[in-house]
């Protein structure tokens, strides 16, 4: 499943991270980024070990206290294709629909 990538984003509920990682086979060059709340990087490394005891590189996400617009601006080339794509999405009203959908997901997750 991970044959054609070098970066792996783990973004699951903490309760299922062990099962998810057990299904994946990591290579030494994989960079694993965890967005799993409450799971320490050391635990992620332990759970993602391969035969021979090696583990993929694990990096925490950098904390950003600004808005999503500010974060995107920090990592977007002015006049580049990402900016063009983001502008097209904004003009089509996609961010509003996305926000509505994410709010619904958050409400579902926080009321269970």
PDB file of N, CA and C in Angstrom:
ATOM      1  N   UNK A   1       0.812  -1.189   0.000  1.00  0.00           N
ATOM      2  CA  UNK A   1       0.000   0.000   0.000  1.00  0.00           C
ATOM      3  C   UNK A   1       0.864   1.264   0.000  1.00  0.00           C
ATOM      4  N   UNK A   2       2.055   1.202   0.564  1.00  0.00           N
ATOM      5  CA  UNK A   2       2.908   2.383   0.678  1.00  0.00           C
ATOM      6  C   UNK A   2       4.080   2.341  -0.305  1.00  0.00           C
ATOM      7  N   UNK A   3       3.958   1.557  -1.357  1.00  0.00           N
ATOM      8  CA  UNK A   3       5.061   1.359  -2.294  1.00  0.00           C
ATOM      9  C   UNK A   3       5.471   2.616  -3.046  1.00  0.00           C
ATOM     10  N   UNK A   4       4.541   3.532  -3.271  1.00  0.00           N
ATOM     11  CA  UNK A   4       4.817   4.669  -4.139  1.00  0.00           C
ATOM     12  C   UNK A   4       4.827   6.000  -3.399  1.00  0.00           C
ATOM     13  N   UNK A   5       5.196   5.984  -2.144  1.00  0.00           N
ATOM     14  CA  UNK A   5       5.230   7.225  -1.370  1.00  0.00           C
ATOM     15  C   UNK A   5       6.433   7.239  -0.450  1.00  0.00           C
ATOM     16  N   UNK A   6       6.859   8.421  -0.077  1.00  0.00           N
ATOM     17  CA  UNK A   6       7.921   8.540   0.921  1.00  0.00           C
ATOM     18  C   UNK A   6       7.394   9.137   2.216  1.00  0.00           C
ATOM     19  N   UNK A   7       6.207   9.744   2.165  1.00  0.00           N
ATOM     20  CA  UNK A   7       5.605  10.343   3.361  1.00  0.00           C
ATOM     21  C   UNK A   7       4.290   9.639   3.669  1.00  0.00           C
ATOM     22  N   UNK A   8       4.087   9.360   4.957  1.00  0.00           N
ATOM     23  CA  UNK A   8       2.878   8.682   5.401  1.00  0.00           C
ATOM     24  C   UNK A   8       2.256   9.512   6.514  1.00  0.00           C
ATOM     25  N   UNK A   9       1.025   9.937   6.317  1.00  0.00           N
ATOM     26  CA  UNK A   9       0.299  10.698   7.332  1.00  0.00           C
ATOM     27  C   UNK A   9      -0.621   9.739   8.067  1.00  0.00           C
ATOM     28  N   UNK A  10      -0.415   9.634   9.374  1.00  0.00           N
ATOM     29  CA  UNK A  10      -1.273   8.802  10.213  1.00  0.00           C
ATOM     30  C   UNK A  10      -2.248   9.745  10.905  1.00  0.00           C
ATOM     31  N   UNK A  11      -3.518   9.660  10.539  1.00  0.00           N
ATOM     32  CA  UNK A  11      -4.551  10.556  11.090  1.00  0.00           C
ATOM     33  C   UNK A  11      -5.786   9.723  11.398  1.00  0.00           C
ATOM     34  N   UNK A  12      -5.710   8.999  12.495  1.00  0.00           N
ATOM     35  CA  UNK A  12      -6.806   8.134  12.913  1.00  0.00           C
ATOM     36  C   UNK A  12      -7.067   8.368  14.396  1.00  0.00           C
ATOM     37  N   UNK A  13      -8.143   7.800  14.889  1.00  0.00           N
ATOM     38  CA  UNK A  13      -8.420   7.893  16.326  1.00  0.00           C
ATOM     39  C   UNK A  13      -7.396   7.057  17.088  1.00  0.00           C
ATOM     40  N   UNK A  14      -7.012   7.523  18.269  1.00  0.00           N
ATOM     41  CA  UNK A  14      -6.001   6.796  19.051  1.00  0.00           C
ATOM     42  C   UNK A  14      -6.372   5.337  19.310  1.00  0.00           C
ATOM     43  N   UNK A  15      -7.653   5.057  19.426  1.00  0.00           N
ATOM     44  CA  UNK A  15      -8.100   3.703  19.732  1.00  0.00           C
ATOM     45  C   UNK A  15      -7.782   2.706  18.613  1.00  0.00           C
ATOM     46  N   UNK A  16      -7.609   3.182  17.378  1.00  0.00           N
ATOM     47  CA  UNK A  16      -7.387   2.260  16.260  1.00  0.00           C
ATOM     48  C   UNK A  16      -5.982   2.347  15.677  1.00  0.00           C
ATOM     49  N   UNK A  17      -5.131   3.214  16.232  1.00  0.00           N
ATOM     50  CA  UNK A  17      -3.804   3.412  15.642  1.00  0.00           C
ATOM     51  C   UNK A  17      -2.994   2.124  15.621  1.00  0.00           C
ATOM     52  N   UNK A  18      -3.086   1.317  16.640  1.00  0.00           N
ATOM     53  CA  UNK A  18      -2.324   0.059  16.685  1.00  0.00           C
ATOM     54  C   UNK A  18      -2.746  -0.867  15.533  1.00  0.00           C
ATOM     55  N   UNK A  19      -4.048  -1.004  15.316  1.00  0.00           N
ATOM     56  CA  UNK A  19      -4.537  -1.861  14.233  1.00  0.00           C
ATOM     57  C   UNK A  19      -4.146  -1.321  12.867  1.00  0.00           C
ATOM     58  N   UNK A  20      -4.247  -0.005  12.692  1.00  0.00           N
ATOM     59  CA  UNK A  20      -3.892   0.608  11.408  1.00  0.00           C
ATOM     60  C   UNK A  20      -2.413   0.396  11.111  1.00  0.00           C
ATOM     61  N   UNK A  21      -1.554   0.671  12.087  1.00  0.00           N
ATOM     62  CA  UNK A  21      -0.116   0.522  11.870  1.00  0.00           C
ATOM     63  C   UNK A  21       0.274  -0.930  11.618  1.00  0.00           C
ATOM     64  N   UNK A  22      -0.456  -1.864  12.213  1.00  0.00           N
ATOM     65  CA  UNK A  22      -0.163  -3.279  12.004  1.00  0.00           C
ATOM     66  C   UNK A  22      -0.415  -3.694  10.556  1.00  0.00           C
ATOM     67  N   UNK A  23      -1.269  -2.961   9.858  1.00  0.00           N
ATOM     68  CA  UNK A  23      -1.597  -3.279   8.468  1.00  0.00           C
ATOM     69  C   UNK A  23      -0.608  -2.667   7.466  1.00  0.00           C
ATOM     70  N   UNK A  24       0.254  -1.778   7.932  1.00  0.00           N
ATOM     71  CA  UNK A  24       1.163  -1.057   7.041  1.00  0.00           C
ATOM     72  C   UNK A  24       2.574  -1.619   7.127  1.00  0.00           C
ATOM     73  N   UNK A  25       3.272  -1.608   5.998  1.00  0.00           N
ATOM     74  CA  UNK A  25       4.667  -2.035   5.951  1.00  0.00           C
ATOM     75  C   UNK A  25       5.505  -0.822   5.563  1.00  0.00           C
ATOM     76  N   UNK A  26       6.360  -0.386   6.479  1.00  0.00           N
ATOM     77  CA  UNK A  26       7.164   0.812   6.273  1.00  0.00           C
ATOM     78  C   UNK A  26       8.537   0.460   5.712  1.00  0.00           C
ATOM     79  N   UNK A  27       9.096   1.388   4.947  1.00  0.00           N
ATOM     80  CA  UNK A  27      10.471   1.294   4.452  1.00  0.00           C
ATOM     81  C   UNK A  27      11.337   2.264   5.256  1.00  0.00           C
ATOM     82  N   UNK A  28      12.655   2.085   5.217  1.00  0.00           N
ATOM     83  CA  UNK A  28      13.548   2.984   5.945  1.00  0.00           C
ATOM     84  C   UNK A  28      13.435   4.449   5.506  1.00  0.00           C
ATOM     85  N   UNK A  29      13.064   4.704   4.245  1.00  0.00           N
ATOM     86  CA  UNK A  29      13.004   6.089   3.775  1.00  0.00           C
ATOM     87  C   UNK A  29      11.661   6.751   4.045  1.00  0.00           C
ATOM     88  N   UNK A  30      10.712   6.050   4.619  1.00  0.00           N
ATOM     89  CA  UNK A  30       9.417   6.660   4.922  1.00  0.00           C
ATOM     90  C   UNK A  30       9.545   7.709   6.032  1.00  0.00           C
ATOM     91  N   UNK A  31       8.888   8.822   5.814  1.00  0.00           N
ATOM     92  CA  UNK A  31       8.730   9.837   6.852  1.00  0.00           C
ATOM     93  C   UNK A  31       7.298   9.698   7.333  1.00  0.00           C
ATOM     94  N   UNK A  32       7.123   9.438   8.608  1.00  0.00           N
ATOM     95  CA  UNK A  32       5.796   9.251   9.173  1.00  0.00           C
ATOM     96  C   UNK A  32       5.421  10.510   9.948  1.00  0.00           C
ATOM     97  N   UNK A  33       4.283  11.083   9.583  1.00  0.00           N
ATOM     98  CA  UNK A  33       3.763  12.263  10.268  1.00  0.00           C
ATOM     99  C   UNK A  33       2.516  11.821  11.015  1.00  0.00           C
ATOM    100  N   UNK A  34       2.489  12.077  12.308  1.00  0.00           N
ATOM    101  CA  UNK A  34       1.357  11.656  13.117  1.00  0.00           C
ATOM    102  C   UNK A  34       0.461  12.843  13.451  1.00  0.00           C
ATOM    103  N   UNK A  35      -0.827  12.649  13.198  1.00  0.00           N
ATOM    104  CA  UNK A  35      -1.836  13.615  13.631  1.00  0.00           C
ATOM    105  C   UNK A  35      -2.779  12.915  14.604  1.00  0.00           C
ATOM    106  N   UNK A  36      -2.256  11.913  15.313  1.00  0.00           N
ATOM    107  CA  UNK A  36      -3.048  11.139  16.255  1.00  0.00           C
ATOM    108  C   UNK A  36      -2.909  11.773  17.636  1.00  0.00           C
ATOM    109  N   UNK A  37      -4.007  12.234  18.165  1.00  0.00           N
ATOM    110  CA  UNK A  37      -3.991  12.888  19.479  1.00  0.00           C
ATOM    111  C   UNK A  37      -3.647  11.886  20.571  1.00  0.00           C
ATOM    112  N   UNK A  38      -2.768  12.299  21.448  1.00  0.00           N
ATOM    113  CA  UNK A  38      -2.474  11.511  22.628  1.00  0.00           C
ATOM    114  C   UNK A  38      -1.536  10.339  22.427  1.00  0.00           C
ATOM    115  N   UNK A  39      -0.949  10.190  21.256  1.00  0.00           N
ATOM    116  CA  UNK A  39       0.008   9.107  21.024  1.00  0.00           C
ATOM    117  C   UNK A  39       1.390   9.735  20.867  1.00  0.00           C
ATOM    118  N   UNK A  40       2.269   9.427  21.803  1.00  0.00           N
ATOM    119  CA  UNK A  40       3.616   9.994  21.783  1.00  0.00           C
ATOM    120  C   UNK A  40       4.399   9.461  20.591  1.00  0.00           C
ATOM    121  N   UNK A  41       5.359  10.262  20.127  1.00  0.00           N
ATOM    122  CA  UNK A  41       6.183   9.835  18.992  1.00  0.00           C
ATOM    123  C   UNK A  41       6.918   8.536  19.291  1.00  0.00           C
ATOM    124  N   UNK A  42       7.364   8.358  20.530  1.00  0.00           N
ATOM    125  CA  UNK A  42       8.053   7.115  20.892  1.00  0.00           C
ATOM    126  C   UNK A  42       7.127   5.915  20.703  1.00  0.00           C
ATOM    127  N   UNK A  43       5.853   6.063  21.075  1.00  0.00           N
ATOM    128  CA  UNK A  43       4.887   4.985  20.878  1.00  0.00           C
ATOM    129  C   UNK A  43       4.658   4.730  19.392  1.00  0.00           C
ATOM    130  N   UNK A  44       4.583   5.805  18.620  1.00  0.00           N
ATOM    131  CA  UNK A  44       4.407   5.660  17.175  1.00  0.00           C
ATOM    132  C   UNK A  44       5.587   4.906  16.576  1.00  0.00           C
ATOM    133  N   UNK A  45       6.792   5.256  16.997  1.00  0.00           N
ATOM    134  CA  UNK A  45       7.983   4.558  16.501  1.00  0.00           C
ATOM    135  C   UNK A  45       7.927   3.072  16.865  1.00  0.00           C
ATOM    136  N   UNK A  46       7.568   2.781  18.117  1.00  0.00           N
ATOM    137  CA  UNK A  46       7.495   1.384  18.559  1.00  0.00           C
ATOM    138  C   UNK A  46       6.456   0.601  17.762  1.00  0.00           C
ATOM    139  N   UNK A  47       5.328   1.225  17.497  1.00  0.00           N
ATOM    140  CA  UNK A  47       4.230   0.532  16.809  1.00  0.00           C
ATOM    141  C   UNK A  47       4.470   0.398  15.311  1.00  0.00           C
ATOM    142  N   UNK A  48       5.420   1.149  14.774  1.00  0.00           N
ATOM    143  CA  UNK A  48       5.646   1.094  13.332  1.00  0.00           C
ATOM    144  C   UNK A  48       6.982   0.443  12.985  1.00  0.00           C
ATOM    145  N   UNK A  49       7.563  -0.277  13.910  1.00  0.00           N
ATOM    146  CA  UNK A  49       8.840  -0.954  13.651  1.00  0.00           C
ATOM    147  C   UNK A  49       8.655  -2.055  12.611  1.00  0.00           C
ATOM    148  N   UNK A  50       9.727  -2.283  11.893  1.00  0.00           N
ATOM    149  CA  UNK A  50       9.753  -3.351  10.901  1.00  0.00           C
ATOM    150  C   UNK A  50      10.704  -4.440  11.362  1.00  0.00           C
ATOM    151  N   UNK A  51      10.652  -5.595  10.692  1.00  0.00           N
ATOM    152  CA  UNK A  51      11.625  -6.648  11.042  1.00  0.00           C
ATOM    153  C   UNK A  51      13.040  -6.085  11.009  1.00  0.00           C
ATOM    154  N   UNK A  52      13.815  -6.443  11.980  1.00  0.00           N
ATOM    155  CA  UNK A  52      15.171  -5.922  12.073  1.00  0.00           C
ATOM    156  C   UNK A  52      15.270  -4.783  13.065  1.00  0.00           C
ATOM    157  N   UNK A  53      14.140  -4.342  13.578  1.00  0.00           N
ATOM    158  CA  UNK A  53      14.139  -3.338  14.634  1.00  0.00           C
ATOM    159  C   UNK A  53      14.236  -1.900  14.191  1.00  0.00           C
ATOM    160  N   UNK A  54      14.352  -1.641  12.891  1.00  0.00           N
ATOM    161  CA  UNK A  54      14.444  -0.246  12.464  1.00  0.00           C
ATOM    162  C   UNK A  54      13.059   0.385  12.477  1.00  0.00           C
ATOM    163  N   UNK A  55      13.016   1.690  12.608  1.00  0.00           N
ATOM    164  CA  UNK A  55      11.732   2.372  12.608  1.00  0.00           C
ATOM    165  C   UNK A  55      11.799   3.569  11.677  1.00  0.00           C
ATOM    166  N   UNK A  56      10.667   3.938  11.098  1.00  0.00           N
ATOM    167  CA  UNK A  56      10.685   5.105  10.222  1.00  0.00           C
ATOM    168  C   UNK A  56      10.910   6.365  11.029  1.00  0.00           C
ATOM    169  N   UNK A  57      11.313   7.382  10.340  1.00  0.00           N
ATOM    170  CA  UNK A  57      11.505   8.682  10.967  1.00  0.00           C
ATOM    171  C   UNK A  57      10.130   9.234  11.341  1.00  0.00           C
ATOM    172  N   UNK A  58       9.967   9.748  12.533  1.00  0.00           N
ATOM    173  CA  UNK A  58       8.694  10.323  12.960  1.00  0.00           C
ATOM    174  C   UNK A  58       8.915  11.782  13.324  1.00  0.00           C
ATOM    175  N   UNK A  59       8.072  12.648  12.798  1.00  0.00           N
ATOM    176  CA  UNK A  59       8.213  14.079  13.038  1.00  0.00           C
ATOM    177  C   UNK A  59       6.899  14.642  13.548  1.00  0.00           C
ATOM    178  N   UNK A  60       6.953  15.427  14.616  1.00  0.00           N
ATOM    179  CA  UNK A  60       5.713  16.042  15.099  1.00  0.00           C
ATOM    180  C   UNK A  60       5.309  17.190  14.171  1.00  0.00           C
ATOM    181  N   UNK A  61       4.020  17.444  14.123  1.00  0.00           N
ATOM    182  CA  UNK A  61       3.551  18.599  13.370  1.00  0.00           C
ATOM    183  C   UNK A  61       3.925  19.864  14.122  1.00  0.00           C
ATOM    184  N   UNK A  62       4.356  20.874  13.400  1.00  0.00           N
ATOM    185  CA  UNK A  62       4.715  22.153  13.997  1.00  0.00           C
ATOM    186  C   UNK A  62       3.445  22.868  14.446  1.00  0.00           C
ATOM    187  N   UNK A  63       3.472  23.419  15.641  1.00  0.00           N
ATOM    188  CA  UNK A  63       2.327  24.169  16.144  1.00  0.00           C
ATOM    189  C   UNK A  63       2.235  25.494  15.401  1.00  0.00           C
ATOM    190  N   UNK A  64       1.035  25.850  15.024  1.00  0.00           N
ATOM    191  CA  UNK A  64       0.790  27.119  14.339  1.00  0.00           C
ATOM    192  C   UNK A  64      -0.386  27.788  15.024  1.00  0.00           C
ATOM    193  N   UNK A  65      -0.168  28.978  15.552  1.00  0.00           N
ATOM    194  CA  UNK A  65      -1.209  29.664  16.301  1.00  0.00           C
ATOM    195  C   UNK A  65      -2.031  30.628  15.453  1.00  0.00           C
ATOM    196  N   UNK A  66      -1.687  30.776  14.179  1.00  0.00           N
ATOM    197  CA  UNK A  66      -2.422  31.689  13.325  1.00  0.00           C
ATOM    198  C   UNK A  66      -3.595  31.009  12.646  1.00  0.00           C
ATOM    199  N   UNK A  67      -4.143  31.681  11.651  1.00  0.00           N
ATOM    200  CA  UNK A  67      -5.260  31.136  10.895  1.00  0.00           C
ATOM    201  C   UNK A  67      -4.750  30.201   9.803  1.00  0.00           C
ATOM    202  N   UNK A  68      -5.658  29.441   9.224  1.00  0.00           N
ATOM    203  CA  UNK A  68      -5.303  28.574   8.118  1.00  0.00           C
ATOM    204  C   UNK A  68      -4.828  29.396   6.923  1.00  0.00           C
ATOM    205  N   UNK A  69      -5.438  30.560   6.702  1.00  0.00           N
ATOM    206  CA  UNK A  69      -4.994  31.442   5.619  1.00  0.00           C
ATOM    207  C   UNK A  69      -3.543  31.870   5.821  1.00  0.00           C
ATOM    208  N   UNK A  70      -3.174  32.200   7.061  1.00  0.00           N
ATOM    209  CA  UNK A  70      -1.796  32.605   7.351  1.00  0.00           C
ATOM    210  C   UNK A  70      -0.830  31.439   7.128  1.00  0.00           C
ATOM    211  N   UNK A  71      -1.230  30.266   7.557  1.00  0.00           N
ATOM    212  CA  UNK A  71      -0.387  29.086   7.389  1.00  0.00           C
ATOM    213  C   UNK A  71      -0.178  28.791   5.902  1.00  0.00           C
ATOM    214  N   UNK A  72      -1.253  28.841   5.130  1.00  0.00           N
ATOM    215  CA  UNK A  72      -1.142  28.596   3.691  1.00  0.00           C
ATOM    216  C   UNK A  72      -0.236  29.631   3.038  1.00  0.00           C
ATOM    217  N   UNK A  73      -0.381  30.887   3.435  1.00  0.00           N
ATOM    218  CA  UNK A  73       0.434  31.955   2.839  1.00  0.00           C
ATOM    219  C   UNK A  73       1.925  31.743   3.113  1.00  0.00           C
ATOM    220  N   UNK A  74       2.251  31.188   4.271  1.00  0.00           N
ATOM    221  CA  UNK A  74       3.649  30.931   4.618  1.00  0.00           C
ATOM    222  C   UNK A  74       4.274  29.852   3.729  1.00  0.00           C
ATOM    223  N   UNK A  75       3.446  28.986   3.150  1.00  0.00           N
ATOM    224  CA  UNK A  75       3.968  27.835   2.412  1.00  0.00           C
ATOM    225  C   UNK A  75       3.550  27.825   0.945  1.00  0.00           C
ATOM    226  N   UNK A  76       3.114  28.950   0.462  1.00  0.00           N
ATOM    227  CA  UNK A  76       2.646  29.026  -0.909  1.00  0.00           C
ATOM    228  C   UNK A  76       3.504  29.996  -1.708  1.00  0.00           C
ATOM    229  N   UNK A  77       3.903  29.589  -2.891  1.00  0.00           N
ATOM    230  CA  UNK A  77       4.672  30.463  -3.774  1.00  0.00           C
ATOM    231  C   UNK A  77       3.723  31.464  -4.423  1.00  0.00           C
ATOM    232  N   UNK A  78       3.948  32.769  -4.210  1.00  0.00           N
ATOM    233  CA  UNK A  78       3.077  33.759  -4.850  1.00  0.00           C
ATOM    234  C   UNK A  78       3.043  33.565  -6.366  1.00  0.00           C
ATOM    235  N   UNK A  79       1.845  33.467  -6.917  1.00  0.00           N
ATOM    236  CA  UNK A  79       1.696  33.266  -8.348  1.00  0.00           C
ATOM    237  C   UNK A  79       1.875  31.827  -8.797  1.00  0.00           C
ATOM    238  N   UNK A  80       2.087  30.922  -7.845  1.00  0.00           N
ATOM    239  CA  UNK A  80       2.306  29.510  -8.179  1.00  0.00           C
ATOM    240  C   UNK A  80       1.007  28.755  -8.383  1.00  0.00           C
ATOM    241  N   UNK A  81       1.141  27.475  -8.723  1.00  0.00           N
ATOM    242  CA  UNK A  81      -0.035  26.667  -9.014  1.00  0.00           C
ATOM    243  C   UNK A  81      -0.896  26.422  -7.777  1.00  0.00           C
ATOM    244  N   UNK A  82      -0.282  26.310  -6.594  1.00  0.00           N
ATOM    245  CA  UNK A  82      -1.087  26.135  -5.384  1.00  0.00           C
ATOM    246  C   UNK A  82      -1.953  27.360  -5.127  1.00  0.00           C
ATOM    247  N   UNK A  83      -1.377  28.535  -5.318  1.00  0.00           N
ATOM    248  CA  UNK A  83      -2.155  29.760  -5.141  1.00  0.00           C
ATOM    249  C   UNK A  83      -3.284  29.823  -6.166  1.00  0.00           C
ATOM    250  N   UNK A  84      -2.995  29.446  -7.399  1.00  0.00           N
ATOM    251  CA  UNK A  84      -4.018  29.446  -8.445  1.00  0.00           C
ATOM    252  C   UNK A  84      -5.159  28.490  -8.073  1.00  0.00           C
ATOM    253  N   UNK A  85      -4.795  27.304  -7.635  1.00  0.00           N
ATOM    254  CA  UNK A  85      -5.791  26.293  -7.263  1.00  0.00           C
ATOM    255  C   UNK A  85      -6.628  26.769  -6.072  1.00  0.00           C
ATOM    256  N   UNK A  86      -5.977  27.316  -5.070  1.00  0.00           N
ATOM    257  CA  UNK A  86      -6.681  27.799  -3.883  1.00  0.00           C
ATOM    258  C   UNK A  86      -7.632  28.941  -4.237  1.00  0.00           C
ATOM    259  N   UNK A  87      -7.212  29.825  -5.116  1.00  0.00           N
ATOM    260  CA  UNK A  87      -8.061  30.928  -5.558  1.00  0.00           C
ATOM    261  C   UNK A  87      -9.298  30.391  -6.288  1.00  0.00           C
ATOM    262  N   UNK A  88      -9.090  29.407  -7.148  1.00  0.00           N
ATOM    263  CA  UNK A  88     -10.213  28.816  -7.879  1.00  0.00           C
ATOM    264  C   UNK A  88     -11.206  28.163  -6.921  1.00  0.00           C
ATOM    265  N   UNK A  89     -10.709  27.467  -5.922  1.00  0.00           N
ATOM    266  CA  UNK A  89     -11.588  26.846  -4.931  1.00  0.00           C
ATOM    267  C   UNK A  89     -12.372  27.897  -4.154  1.00  0.00           C
ATOM    268  N   UNK A  90     -11.676  28.955  -3.750  1.00  0.00           N
ATOM    269  CA  UNK A  90     -12.323  30.017  -2.990  1.00  0.00           C
ATOM    270  C   UNK A  90     -13.436  30.668  -3.824  1.00  0.00           C
ATOM    271  N   UNK A  91     -13.151  30.938  -5.095  1.00  0.00           N
ATOM    272  CA  UNK A  91     -14.134  31.568  -5.970  1.00  0.00           C
ATOM    273  C   UNK A  91     -15.350  30.664  -6.207  1.00  0.00           C
ATOM    274  N   UNK A  92     -15.156  29.350  -6.132  1.00  0.00           N
ATOM    275  CA  UNK A  92     -16.248  28.397  -6.322  1.00  0.00           C
ATOM    276  C   UNK A  92     -17.028  28.141  -5.032  1.00  0.00           C
ATOM    277  N   UNK A  93     -16.607  28.768  -3.935  1.00  0.00           N
ATOM    278  CA  UNK A  93     -17.314  28.605  -2.666  1.00  0.00           C
ATOM    279  C   UNK A  93     -16.968  27.352  -1.894  1.00  0.00           C
ATOM    280  N   UNK A  94     -15.913  26.670  -2.305  1.00  0.00           N
ATOM    281  CA  UNK A  94     -15.541  25.412  -1.657  1.00  0.00           C
ATOM    282  C   UNK A  94     -15.195  25.584  -0.173  1.00  0.00           C
ATOM    283  N   UNK A  95     -14.441  26.617   0.230  1.00  0.00           N
ATOM    284  CA  UNK A  95     -14.103  26.724   1.653  1.00  0.00           C
ATOM    285  C   UNK A  95     -15.323  26.775   2.573  1.00  0.00           C
ATOM    286  N   UNK A  96     -16.389  27.434   2.140  1.00  0.00           N
ATOM    287  CA  UNK A  96     -17.602  27.488   2.962  1.00  0.00           C
ATOM    288  C   UNK A  96     -18.233  26.118   3.120  1.00  0.00           C
ATOM    289  N   UNK A  97     -18.274  25.348   2.030  1.00  0.00           N
ATOM    290  CA  UNK A  97     -18.827  23.996   2.091  1.00  0.00           C
ATOM    291  C   UNK A  97     -17.952  23.100   2.953  1.00  0.00           C
ATOM    292  N   UNK A  98     -16.649  23.250   2.813  1.00  0.00           N
ATOM    293  CA  UNK A  98     -15.717  22.462   3.608  1.00  0.00           C
ATOM    294  C   UNK A  98     -15.874  22.785   5.096  1.00  0.00           C
ATOM    295  N   UNK A  99     -15.961  24.052   5.407  1.00  0.00           N
ATOM    296  CA  UNK A  99     -16.131  24.455   6.809  1.00  0.00           C
ATOM    297  C   UNK A  99     -17.422  23.875   7.380  1.00  0.00           C
ATOM    298  N   UNK A 100     -18.488  23.920   6.611  1.00  0.00           N
ATOM    299  CA  UNK A 100     -19.768  23.365   7.062  1.00  0.00           C
ATOM    300  C   UNK A 100     -19.624  21.857   7.327  1.00  0.00           C
ATOM    301  N   UNK A 101     -18.986  21.140   6.398  1.00  0.00           N
ATOM    302  CA  UNK A 101     -18.795  19.704   6.568  1.00  0.00           C
ATOM    303  C   UNK A 101     -17.926  19.364   7.764  1.00  0.00           C
ATOM    304  N   UNK A 102     -16.838  20.120   7.944  1.00  0.00           N
ATOM    305  CA  UNK A 102     -15.946  19.877   9.081  1.00  0.00           C
ATOM    306  C   UNK A 102     -16.620  20.202  10.409  1.00  0.00           C
ATOM    307  N   UNK A 103     -17.436  21.249  10.423  1.00  0.00           N
ATOM    308  CA  UNK A 103     -18.187  21.580  11.642  1.00  0.00           C
ATOM    309  C   UNK A 103     -19.131  20.432  12.017  1.00  0.00           C
ATOM    310  N   UNK A 104     -19.769  19.833  11.014  1.00  0.00           N
ATOM    311  CA  UNK A 104     -20.656  18.708  11.263  1.00  0.00           C
ATOM    312  C   UNK A 104     -19.899  17.513  11.810  1.00  0.00           C
ATOM    313  N   UNK A 105     -18.715  17.232  11.246  1.00  0.00           N
ATOM    314  CA  UNK A 105     -17.896  16.121  11.740  1.00  0.00           C
ATOM    315  C   UNK A 105     -17.459  16.394  13.182  1.00  0.00           C
ATOM    316  N   UNK A 106     -17.013  17.616  13.449  1.00  0.00           N
ATOM    317  CA  UNK A 106     -16.590  17.962  14.806  1.00  0.00           C
ATOM    318  C   UNK A 106     -17.730  17.810  15.785  1.00  0.00           C
ATOM    319  N   UNK A 107     -18.916  18.259  15.420  1.00  0.00           N
ATOM    320  CA  UNK A 107     -20.083  18.109  16.305  1.00  0.00           C
ATOM    321  C   UNK A 107     -20.360  16.643  16.587  1.00  0.00           C
ATOM    322  N   UNK A 108     -20.250  15.813  15.563  1.00  0.00           N
ATOM    323  CA  UNK A 108     -20.486  14.377  15.756  1.00  0.00           C
ATOM    324  C   UNK A 108     -19.435  13.776  16.684  1.00  0.00           C
ATOM    325  N   UNK A 109     -18.179  14.144  16.492  1.00  0.00           N
ATOM    326  CA  UNK A 109     -17.114  13.569  17.309  1.00  0.00           C
ATOM    327  C   UNK A 109     -17.162  14.036  18.755  1.00  0.00           C
ATOM    328  N   UNK A 110     -17.602  15.261  18.976  1.00  0.00           N
ATOM    329  CA  UNK A 110     -17.589  15.797  20.342  1.00  0.00           C
ATOM    330  C   UNK A 110     -18.870  15.478  21.116  1.00  0.00           C
ATOM    331  N   UNK A 111     -19.876  14.904  20.456  1.00  0.00           N
ATOM    332  CA  UNK A 111     -21.109  14.549  21.167  1.00  0.00           C
ATOM    333  C   UNK A 111     -21.218  13.061  21.431  1.00  0.00           C
ATOM    334  N   UNK A 112     -20.205  12.308  21.032  1.00  0.00           N
ATOM    335  CA  UNK A 112     -20.255  10.842  21.246  1.00  0.00           C
ATOM    336  C   UNK A 112     -19.703  10.476  22.594  1.00  0.00           C
TER     337      UNK A 112
END
